[in-house]
């Protein structure tokens, strides 16, 4: 079964450009370099300064491996510096699971 979740976050408005650039960089690096990544996309939410990422990997181990990649280690600290508070992960399971 795929390992899928949504992570929601708020950012400091003055850090928007840095955040968006880092999101695009991480999205591109993940999709181009990680086998077993089924979906990886950042979204701007309708609530001001709010964003989300939907991530899906073939299994949880591949998500853990994703967090150990060099591009993750290089880019995620830039994202975290932009956050206004913490992020929330919501895990998704198919209805028939």
PDB file of N, CA and C in Angstrom:
ATOM      1  N   UNK A   1       0.846  -1.182   0.000  1.00  0.00           N
ATOM      2  CA  UNK A   1       0.000   0.000   0.000  1.00  0.00           C
ATOM      3  C   UNK A   1       0.891   1.245   0.000  1.00  0.00           C
ATOM      4  N   UNK A   2       0.513   2.217  -0.779  1.00  0.00           N
ATOM      5  CA  UNK A   2       1.277   3.468  -0.865  1.00  0.00           C
ATOM      6  C   UNK A   2       1.263   4.196   0.480  1.00  0.00           C
ATOM      7  N   UNK A   3       2.328   4.932   0.724  1.00  0.00           N
ATOM      8  CA  UNK A   3       2.466   5.758   1.920  1.00  0.00           C
ATOM      9  C   UNK A   3       2.245   7.199   1.474  1.00  0.00           C
ATOM     10  N   UNK A   4       1.104   7.779   1.864  1.00  0.00           N
ATOM     11  CA  UNK A   4       0.685   9.079   1.342  1.00  0.00           C
ATOM     12  C   UNK A   4       0.263   9.993   2.485  1.00  0.00           C
ATOM     13  N   UNK A   5       0.628  11.263   2.376  1.00  0.00           N
ATOM     14  CA  UNK A   5       0.190  12.228   3.376  1.00  0.00           C
ATOM     15  C   UNK A   5       0.159  13.637   2.796  1.00  0.00           C
ATOM     16  N   UNK A   6      -0.537  14.492   3.517  1.00  0.00           N
ATOM     17  CA  UNK A   6      -0.564  15.929   3.247  1.00  0.00           C
ATOM     18  C   UNK A   6       0.117  16.600   4.432  1.00  0.00           C
ATOM     19  N   UNK A   7       1.023  17.508   4.160  1.00  0.00           N
ATOM     20  CA  UNK A   7       1.620  18.328   5.219  1.00  0.00           C
ATOM     21  C   UNK A   7       1.170  19.766   4.982  1.00  0.00           C
ATOM     22  N   UNK A   8       0.553  20.357   5.992  1.00  0.00           N
ATOM     23  CA  UNK A   8       0.063  21.741   5.901  1.00  0.00           C
ATOM     24  C   UNK A   8       0.951  22.636   6.754  1.00  0.00           C
ATOM     25  N   UNK A   9       1.171  23.860   6.253  1.00  0.00           N
ATOM     26  CA  UNK A   9       2.050  24.779   6.968  1.00  0.00           C
ATOM     27  C   UNK A   9       1.684  26.228   6.672  1.00  0.00           C
ATOM     28  N   UNK A  10       2.034  27.114   7.606  1.00  0.00           N
ATOM     29  CA  UNK A  10       1.904  28.562   7.409  1.00  0.00           C
ATOM     30  C   UNK A  10       3.308  29.133   7.366  1.00  0.00           C
ATOM     31  N   UNK A  11       3.457  30.194   6.586  1.00  0.00           N
ATOM     32  CA  UNK A  11       4.774  30.817   6.470  1.00  0.00           C
ATOM     33  C   UNK A  11       4.702  32.291   6.847  1.00  0.00           C
ATOM     34  N   UNK A  12       5.868  32.856   7.141  1.00  0.00           N
ATOM     35  CA  UNK A  12       5.974  34.301   7.338  1.00  0.00           C
ATOM     36  C   UNK A  12       5.840  34.948   5.959  1.00  0.00           C
ATOM     37  N   UNK A  13       4.929  35.902   5.791  1.00  0.00           N
ATOM     38  CA  UNK A  13       4.685  36.474   4.463  1.00  0.00           C
ATOM     39  C   UNK A  13       5.922  37.085   3.810  1.00  0.00           C
ATOM     40  N   UNK A  14       6.817  37.639   4.604  1.00  0.00           N
ATOM     41  CA  UNK A  14       8.010  38.265   4.027  1.00  0.00           C
ATOM     42  C   UNK A  14       9.007  37.224   3.506  1.00  0.00           C
ATOM     43  N   UNK A  15       8.770  35.957   3.803  1.00  0.00           N
ATOM     44  CA  UNK A  15       9.668  34.895   3.340  1.00  0.00           C
ATOM     45  C   UNK A  15       9.056  34.073   2.207  1.00  0.00           C
ATOM     46  N   UNK A  16       7.978  34.578   1.630  1.00  0.00           N
ATOM     47  CA  UNK A  16       7.255  33.846   0.597  1.00  0.00           C
ATOM     48  C   UNK A  16       8.147  33.452  -0.574  1.00  0.00           C
ATOM     49  N   UNK A  17       8.899  34.384  -1.122  1.00  0.00           N
ATOM     50  CA  UNK A  17       9.719  34.090  -2.305  1.00  0.00           C
ATOM     51  C   UNK A  17      10.751  33.003  -2.019  1.00  0.00           C
ATOM     52  N   UNK A  18      11.389  33.086  -0.879  1.00  0.00           N
ATOM     53  CA  UNK A  18      12.370  32.065  -0.487  1.00  0.00           C
ATOM     54  C   UNK A  18      11.695  30.710  -0.341  1.00  0.00           C
ATOM     55  N   UNK A  19      10.528  30.705   0.286  1.00  0.00           N
ATOM     56  CA  UNK A  19       9.787  29.467   0.499  1.00  0.00           C
ATOM     57  C   UNK A  19       9.388  28.825  -0.826  1.00  0.00           C
ATOM     58  N   UNK A  20       8.789  29.603  -1.709  1.00  0.00           N
ATOM     59  CA  UNK A  20       8.324  29.072  -2.994  1.00  0.00           C
ATOM     60  C   UNK A  20       9.500  28.534  -3.809  1.00  0.00           C
ATOM     61  N   UNK A  21      10.594  29.253  -3.829  1.00  0.00           N
ATOM     62  CA  UNK A  21      11.777  28.800  -4.567  1.00  0.00           C
ATOM     63  C   UNK A  21      12.295  27.470  -4.009  1.00  0.00           C
ATOM     64  N   UNK A  22      12.350  27.352  -2.696  1.00  0.00           N
ATOM     65  CA  UNK A  22      12.818  26.109  -2.077  1.00  0.00           C
ATOM     66  C   UNK A  22      11.846  24.962  -2.350  1.00  0.00           C
ATOM     67  N   UNK A  23      10.552  25.233  -2.308  1.00  0.00           N
ATOM     68  CA  UNK A  23       9.550  24.204  -2.614  1.00  0.00           C
ATOM     69  C   UNK A  23       9.726  23.683  -4.032  1.00  0.00           C
ATOM     70  N   UNK A  24       9.876  24.592  -4.973  1.00  0.00           N
ATOM     71  CA  UNK A  24      10.045  24.191  -6.370  1.00  0.00           C
ATOM     72  C   UNK A  24      11.322  23.386  -6.561  1.00  0.00           C
ATOM     73  N   UNK A  25      12.376  23.778  -5.883  1.00  0.00           N
ATOM     74  CA  UNK A  25      13.649  23.067  -5.971  1.00  0.00           C
ATOM     75  C   UNK A  25      13.525  21.647  -5.400  1.00  0.00           C
ATOM     76  N   UNK A  26      12.872  21.517  -4.247  1.00  0.00           N
ATOM     77  CA  UNK A  26      12.704  20.206  -3.623  1.00  0.00           C
ATOM     78  C   UNK A  26      11.790  19.311  -4.452  1.00  0.00           C
ATOM     79  N   UNK A  27      10.725  19.877  -4.953  1.00  0.00           N
ATOM     80  CA  UNK A  27       9.794  19.122  -5.793  1.00  0.00           C
ATOM     81  C   UNK A  27      10.517  18.540  -7.010  1.00  0.00           C
ATOM     82  N   UNK A  28      11.263  19.376  -7.697  1.00  0.00           N
ATOM     83  CA  UNK A  28      11.983  18.957  -8.906  1.00  0.00           C
ATOM     84  C   UNK A  28      13.018  17.877  -8.582  1.00  0.00           C
ATOM     85  N   UNK A  29      13.819  18.096  -7.560  1.00  0.00           N
ATOM     86  CA  UNK A  29      14.866  17.137  -7.194  1.00  0.00           C
ATOM     87  C   UNK A  29      14.272  15.794  -6.783  1.00  0.00           C
ATOM     88  N   UNK A  30      13.175  15.831  -6.058  1.00  0.00           N
ATOM     89  CA  UNK A  30      12.546  14.590  -5.602  1.00  0.00           C
ATOM     90  C   UNK A  30      11.995  13.799  -6.778  1.00  0.00           C
ATOM     91  N   UNK A  31      11.246  14.462  -7.641  1.00  0.00           N
ATOM     92  CA  UNK A  31      10.627  13.764  -8.768  1.00  0.00           C
ATOM     93  C   UNK A  31      11.659  13.235  -9.756  1.00  0.00           C
ATOM     94  N   UNK A  32      12.750  13.953  -9.922  1.00  0.00           N
ATOM     95  CA  UNK A  32      13.766  13.542 -10.896  1.00  0.00           C
ATOM     96  C   UNK A  32      14.717  12.473 -10.370  1.00  0.00           C
ATOM     97  N   UNK A  33      14.870  12.367  -9.060  1.00  0.00           N
ATOM     98  CA  UNK A  33      15.932  11.523  -8.512  1.00  0.00           C
ATOM     99  C   UNK A  33      15.495  10.369  -7.622  1.00  0.00           C
ATOM    100  N   UNK A  34      14.225  10.275  -7.309  1.00  0.00           N
ATOM    101  CA  UNK A  34      13.815   9.257  -6.345  1.00  0.00           C
ATOM    102  C   UNK A  34      12.846   8.249  -6.955  1.00  0.00           C
ATOM    103  N   UNK A  35      13.351   7.036  -7.158  1.00  0.00           N
ATOM    104  CA  UNK A  35      12.483   5.958  -7.608  1.00  0.00           C
ATOM    105  C   UNK A  35      11.520   5.618  -6.480  1.00  0.00           C
ATOM    106  N   UNK A  36      10.315   5.278  -6.830  1.00  0.00           N
ATOM    107  CA  UNK A  36       9.325   4.938  -5.818  1.00  0.00           C
ATOM    108  C   UNK A  36       8.528   6.121  -5.321  1.00  0.00           C
ATOM    109  N   UNK A  37       8.857   7.317  -5.815  1.00  0.00           N
ATOM    110  CA  UNK A  37       8.045   8.496  -5.492  1.00  0.00           C
ATOM    111  C   UNK A  37       6.880   8.522  -6.477  1.00  0.00           C
ATOM    112  N   UNK A  38       5.673   8.383  -5.971  1.00  0.00           N
ATOM    113  CA  UNK A  38       4.484   8.341  -6.817  1.00  0.00           C
ATOM    114  C   UNK A  38       3.923   9.729  -7.089  1.00  0.00           C
ATOM    115  N   UNK A  39       4.064  10.632  -6.123  1.00  0.00           N
ATOM    116  CA  UNK A  39       3.509  11.981  -6.266  1.00  0.00           C
ATOM    117  C   UNK A  39       4.208  12.879  -5.261  1.00  0.00           C
ATOM    118  N   UNK A  40       4.519  14.104  -5.696  1.00  0.00           N
ATOM    119  CA  UNK A  40       5.188  15.059  -4.807  1.00  0.00           C
ATOM    120  C   UNK A  40       4.901  16.453  -5.350  1.00  0.00           C
ATOM    121  N   UNK A  41       3.985  17.189  -4.711  1.00  0.00           N
ATOM    122  CA  UNK A  41       3.559  18.477  -5.254  1.00  0.00           C
ATOM    123  C   UNK A  41       3.187  19.432  -4.124  1.00  0.00           C
ATOM    124  N   UNK A  42       3.731  20.651  -4.193  1.00  0.00           N
ATOM    125  CA  UNK A  42       3.380  21.716  -3.255  1.00  0.00           C
ATOM    126  C   UNK A  42       2.201  22.517  -3.809  1.00  0.00           C
ATOM    127  N   UNK A  43       1.367  23.012  -2.902  1.00  0.00           N
ATOM    128  CA  UNK A  43       0.196  23.807  -3.264  1.00  0.00           C
ATOM    129  C   UNK A  43       0.098  25.027  -2.362  1.00  0.00           C
ATOM    130  N   UNK A  44      -0.425  26.110  -2.927  1.00  0.00           N
ATOM    131  CA  UNK A  44      -0.786  27.289  -2.142  1.00  0.00           C
ATOM    132  C   UNK A  44      -2.244  27.101  -1.747  1.00  0.00           C
ATOM    133  N   UNK A  45      -2.533  27.204  -0.464  1.00  0.00           N
ATOM    134  CA  UNK A  45      -3.905  27.072   0.009  1.00  0.00           C
ATOM    135  C   UNK A  45      -4.612  28.420  -0.072  1.00  0.00           C
ATOM    136  N   UNK A  46      -5.917  28.401   0.007  1.00  0.00           N
ATOM    137  CA  UNK A  46      -6.679  29.654  -0.099  1.00  0.00           C
ATOM    138  C   UNK A  46      -6.559  30.522   1.147  1.00  0.00           C
ATOM    139  N   UNK A  47      -6.241  29.921   2.266  1.00  0.00           N
ATOM    140  CA  UNK A  47      -5.998  30.687   3.486  1.00  0.00           C
ATOM    141  C   UNK A  47      -4.655  31.402   3.346  1.00  0.00           C
ATOM    142  N   UNK A  48      -4.637  32.669   3.670  1.00  0.00           N
ATOM    143  CA  UNK A  48      -3.446  33.495   3.479  1.00  0.00           C
ATOM    144  C   UNK A  48      -2.207  32.893   4.146  1.00  0.00           C
ATOM    145  N   UNK A  49      -1.104  32.903   3.401  1.00  0.00           N
ATOM    146  CA  UNK A  49       0.203  32.428   3.877  1.00  0.00           C
ATOM    147  C   UNK A  49       0.212  30.943   4.247  1.00  0.00           C
ATOM    148  N   UNK A  50      -0.698  30.185   3.669  1.00  0.00           N
ATOM    149  CA  UNK A  50      -0.806  28.759   3.970  1.00  0.00           C
ATOM    150  C   UNK A  50      -0.487  27.926   2.738  1.00  0.00           C
ATOM    151  N   UNK A  51       0.232  26.844   2.972  1.00  0.00           N
ATOM    152  CA  UNK A  51       0.684  25.966   1.893  1.00  0.00           C
ATOM    153  C   UNK A  51       0.532  24.520   2.337  1.00  0.00           C
ATOM    154  N   UNK A  52       0.607  23.622   1.359  1.00  0.00           N
ATOM    155  CA  UNK A  52       0.569  22.190   1.649  1.00  0.00           C
ATOM    156  C   UNK A  52       1.422  21.462   0.630  1.00  0.00           C
ATOM    157  N   UNK A  53       1.873  20.295   1.024  1.00  0.00           N
ATOM    158  CA  UNK A  53       2.549  19.397   0.094  1.00  0.00           C
ATOM    159  C   UNK A  53       1.847  18.049   0.211  1.00  0.00           C
ATOM    160  N   UNK A  54       1.592  17.444  -0.929  1.00  0.00           N
ATOM    161  CA  UNK A  54       1.072  16.082  -0.959  1.00  0.00           C
ATOM    162  C   UNK A  54       2.214  15.194  -1.419  1.00  0.00           C
ATOM    163  N   UNK A  55       2.527  14.202  -0.604  1.00  0.00           N
ATOM    164  CA  UNK A  55       3.621  13.282  -0.907  1.00  0.00           C
ATOM    165  C   UNK A  55       3.081  11.858  -0.921  1.00  0.00           C
ATOM    166  N   UNK A  56       3.529  11.085  -1.895  1.00  0.00           N
ATOM    167  CA  UNK A  56       3.149   9.679  -1.947  1.00  0.00           C
ATOM    168  C   UNK A  56       4.335   8.863  -2.441  1.00  0.00           C
ATOM    169  N   UNK A  57       4.664   7.851  -1.663  1.00  0.00           N
ATOM    170  CA  UNK A  57       5.753   6.937  -1.997  1.00  0.00           C
ATOM    171  C   UNK A  57       5.199   5.516  -2.013  1.00  0.00           C
ATOM    172  N   UNK A  58       5.899   4.625  -2.684  1.00  0.00           N
ATOM    173  CA  UNK A  58       5.441   3.239  -2.760  1.00  0.00           C
ATOM    174  C   UNK A  58       5.292   2.609  -1.381  1.00  0.00           C
ATOM    175  N   UNK A  59       6.113   3.046  -0.421  1.00  0.00           N
ATOM    176  CA  UNK A  59       6.024   2.527   0.946  1.00  0.00           C
ATOM    177  C   UNK A  59       6.688   3.524   1.904  1.00  0.00           C
ATOM    178  N   UNK A  60       6.515   3.275   3.181  1.00  0.00           N
ATOM    179  CA  UNK A  60       7.043   4.188   4.203  1.00  0.00           C
ATOM    180  C   UNK A  60       8.566   4.231   4.204  1.00  0.00           C
ATOM    181  N   UNK A  61       9.197   3.120   3.883  1.00  0.00           N
ATOM    182  CA  UNK A  61      10.658   3.075   3.848  1.00  0.00           C
ATOM    183  C   UNK A  61      11.214   4.043   2.802  1.00  0.00           C
ATOM    184  N   UNK A  62      10.521   4.193   1.685  1.00  0.00           N
ATOM    185  CA  UNK A  62      10.983   5.130   0.651  1.00  0.00           C
ATOM    186  C   UNK A  62      10.819   6.581   1.103  1.00  0.00           C
ATOM    187  N   UNK A  63       9.795   6.857   1.908  1.00  0.00           N
ATOM    188  CA  UNK A  63       9.670   8.202   2.479  1.00  0.00           C
ATOM    189  C   UNK A  63      10.823   8.458   3.445  1.00  0.00           C
ATOM    190  N   UNK A  64      11.170   7.456   4.240  1.00  0.00           N
ATOM    191  CA  UNK A  64      12.300   7.602   5.159  1.00  0.00           C
ATOM    192  C   UNK A  64      13.603   7.808   4.382  1.00  0.00           C
ATOM    193  N   UNK A  65      13.765   7.090   3.270  1.00  0.00           N
ATOM    194  CA  UNK A  65      14.956   7.262   2.428  1.00  0.00           C
ATOM    195  C   UNK A  65      14.979   8.659   1.813  1.00  0.00           C
ATOM    196  N   UNK A  66      13.804   9.168   1.447  1.00  0.00           N
ATOM    197  CA  UNK A  66      13.678  10.526   0.897  1.00  0.00           C
ATOM    198  C   UNK A  66      14.259  11.546   1.877  1.00  0.00           C
ATOM    199  N   UNK A  67      13.987  11.349   3.148  1.00  0.00           N
ATOM    200  CA  UNK A  67      14.460  12.282   4.168  1.00  0.00           C
ATOM    201  C   UNK A  67      15.969  12.204   4.392  1.00  0.00           C
ATOM    202  N   UNK A  68      16.601  11.195   3.838  1.00  0.00           N
ATOM    203  CA  UNK A  68      18.055  11.040   3.966  1.00  0.00           C
ATOM    204  C   UNK A  68      18.808  11.490   2.713  1.00  0.00           C
ATOM    205  N   UNK A  69      18.087  11.902   1.672  1.00  0.00           N
ATOM    206  CA  UNK A  69      18.760  12.329   0.441  1.00  0.00           C
ATOM    207  C   UNK A  69      19.477  13.655   0.664  1.00  0.00           C
ATOM    208  N   UNK A  70      20.495  13.890  -0.134  1.00  0.00           N
ATOM    209  CA  UNK A  70      21.250  15.132   0.004  1.00  0.00           C
ATOM    210  C   UNK A  70      20.392  16.341  -0.339  1.00  0.00           C
ATOM    211  N   UNK A  71      19.543  16.219  -1.374  1.00  0.00           N
ATOM    212  CA  UNK A  71      18.711  17.380  -1.724  1.00  0.00           C
ATOM    213  C   UNK A  71      17.726  17.705  -0.596  1.00  0.00           C
ATOM    214  N   UNK A  72      17.190  16.709   0.070  1.00  0.00           N
ATOM    215  CA  UNK A  72      16.305  16.957   1.209  1.00  0.00           C
ATOM    216  C   UNK A  72      17.067  17.688   2.318  1.00  0.00           C
ATOM    217  N   UNK A  73      18.249  17.178   2.648  1.00  0.00           N
ATOM    218  CA  UNK A  73      19.058  17.783   3.717  1.00  0.00           C
ATOM    219  C   UNK A  73      19.501  19.206   3.378  1.00  0.00           C
ATOM    220  N   UNK A  74      19.695  19.486   2.095  1.00  0.00           N
ATOM    221  CA  UNK A  74      20.117  20.827   1.676  1.00  0.00           C
ATOM    222  C   UNK A  74      18.961  21.822   1.629  1.00  0.00           C
ATOM    223  N   UNK A  75      17.781  21.364   1.220  1.00  0.00           N
ATOM    224  CA  UNK A  75      16.669  22.281   0.934  1.00  0.00           C
ATOM    225  C   UNK A  75      15.719  22.463   2.113  1.00  0.00           C
ATOM    226  N   UNK A  76      15.418  21.406   2.839  1.00  0.00           N
ATOM    227  CA  UNK A  76      14.410  21.493   3.901  1.00  0.00           C
ATOM    228  C   UNK A  76      14.750  22.533   4.970  1.00  0.00           C
ATOM    229  N   UNK A  77      16.006  22.705   5.383  1.00  0.00           N
ATOM    230  CA  UNK A  77      16.282  23.778   6.350  1.00  0.00           C
ATOM    231  C   UNK A  77      15.846  25.162   5.846  1.00  0.00           C
ATOM    232  N   UNK A  78      15.952  25.401   4.547  1.00  0.00           N
ATOM    233  CA  UNK A  78      15.486  26.679   3.978  1.00  0.00           C
ATOM    234  C   UNK A  78      13.978  26.818   4.155  1.00  0.00           C
ATOM    235  N   UNK A  79      13.248  25.714   3.947  1.00  0.00           N
ATOM    236  CA  UNK A  79      11.788  25.736   4.118  1.00  0.00           C
ATOM    237  C   UNK A  79      11.417  25.999   5.577  1.00  0.00           C
ATOM    238  N   UNK A  80      12.086  25.295   6.466  1.00  0.00           N
ATOM    239  CA  UNK A  80      11.758  25.412   7.889  1.00  0.00           C
ATOM    240  C   UNK A  80      11.978  26.822   8.422  1.00  0.00           C
ATOM    241  N   UNK A  81      12.968  27.531   7.887  1.00  0.00           N
ATOM    242  CA  UNK A  81      13.224  28.916   8.307  1.00  0.00           C
ATOM    243  C   UNK A  81      12.083  29.852   7.931  1.00  0.00           C
ATOM    244  N   UNK A  82      11.271  29.459   6.973  1.00  0.00           N
ATOM    245  CA  UNK A  82      10.171  30.299   6.494  1.00  0.00           C
ATOM    246  C   UNK A  82       8.871  30.062   7.255  1.00  0.00           C
ATOM    247  N   UNK A  83       8.797  28.973   8.009  1.00  0.00           N
ATOM    248  CA  UNK A  83       7.543  28.606   8.663  1.00  0.00           C
ATOM    249  C   UNK A  83       7.201  29.531   9.818  1.00  0.00           C
ATOM    250  N   UNK A  84       5.910  29.779   9.939  1.00  0.00           N
ATOM    251  CA  UNK A  84       5.353  30.515  11.068  1.00  0.00           C
ATOM    252  C   UNK A  84       4.667  29.474  11.953  1.00  0.00           C
ATOM    253  N   UNK A  85       5.428  28.837  12.803  1.00  0.00           N
ATOM    254  CA  UNK A  85       4.912  27.726  13.603  1.00  0.00           C
ATOM    255  C   UNK A  85       5.393  26.404  13.024  1.00  0.00           C
ATOM    256  N   UNK A  86       4.682  25.354  13.341  1.00  0.00           N
ATOM    257  CA  UNK A  86       5.066  24.030  12.868  1.00  0.00           C
ATOM    258  C   UNK A  86       4.163  23.602  11.722  1.00  0.00           C
ATOM    259  N   UNK A  87       4.481  22.464  11.147  1.00  0.00           N
ATOM    260  CA  UNK A  87       3.628  21.903  10.107  1.00  0.00           C
ATOM    261  C   UNK A  87       2.865  20.716  10.687  1.00  0.00           C
ATOM    262  N   UNK A  88       1.773  20.362  10.027  1.00  0.00           N
ATOM    263  CA  UNK A  88       0.940  19.247  10.460  1.00  0.00           C
ATOM    264  C   UNK A  88       0.868  18.243   9.327  1.00  0.00           C
ATOM    265  N   UNK A  89       1.143  16.977   9.636  1.00  0.00           N
ATOM    266  CA  UNK A  89       1.031  15.902   8.646  1.00  0.00           C
ATOM    267  C   UNK A  89      -0.271  15.142   8.886  1.00  0.00           C
ATOM    268  N   UNK A  90      -1.007  14.908   7.793  1.00  0.00           N
ATOM    269  CA  UNK A  90      -2.223  14.106   7.843  1.00  0.00           C
ATOM    270  C   UNK A  90      -2.022  12.931   6.898  1.00  0.00           C
ATOM    271  N   UNK A  91      -2.082  11.719   7.437  1.00  0.00           N
ATOM    272  CA  UNK A  91      -1.832  10.524   6.649  1.00  0.00           C
ATOM    273  C   UNK A  91      -3.111  10.066   5.968  1.00  0.00           C
ATOM    274  N   UNK A  92      -2.965   9.596   4.736  1.00  0.00           N
ATOM    275  CA  UNK A  92      -4.106   9.194   3.916  1.00  0.00           C
ATOM    276  C   UNK A  92      -4.035   7.704   3.613  1.00  0.00           C
ATOM    277  N   UNK A  93      -5.147   7.016   3.792  1.00  0.00           N
ATOM    278  CA  UNK A  93      -5.253   5.607   3.445  1.00  0.00           C
ATOM    279  C   UNK A  93      -6.430   5.431   2.491  1.00  0.00           C
ATOM    280  N   UNK A  94      -6.321   4.497   1.555  1.00  0.00           N
ATOM    281  CA  UNK A  94      -7.441   4.236   0.650  1.00  0.00           C
ATOM    282  C   UNK A  94      -8.681   3.790   1.440  1.00  0.00           C
ATOM    283  N   UNK A  95      -9.844   4.049   0.891  1.00  0.00           N
ATOM    284  CA  UNK A  95     -11.084   3.668   1.566  1.00  0.00           C
ATOM    285  C   UNK A  95     -11.186   2.168   1.780  1.00  0.00           C
ATOM    286  N   UNK A  96     -10.589   1.397   0.887  1.00  0.00           N
ATOM    287  CA  UNK A  96     -10.707  -0.060   0.974  1.00  0.00           C
ATOM    288  C   UNK A  96      -9.585  -0.709   1.779  1.00  0.00           C
ATOM    289  N   UNK A  97      -8.836   0.088   2.528  1.00  0.00           N
ATOM    290  CA  UNK A  97      -7.727  -0.510   3.294  1.00  0.00           C
ATOM    291  C   UNK A  97      -8.182  -0.962   4.671  1.00  0.00           C
TER     292      UNK A  97
END
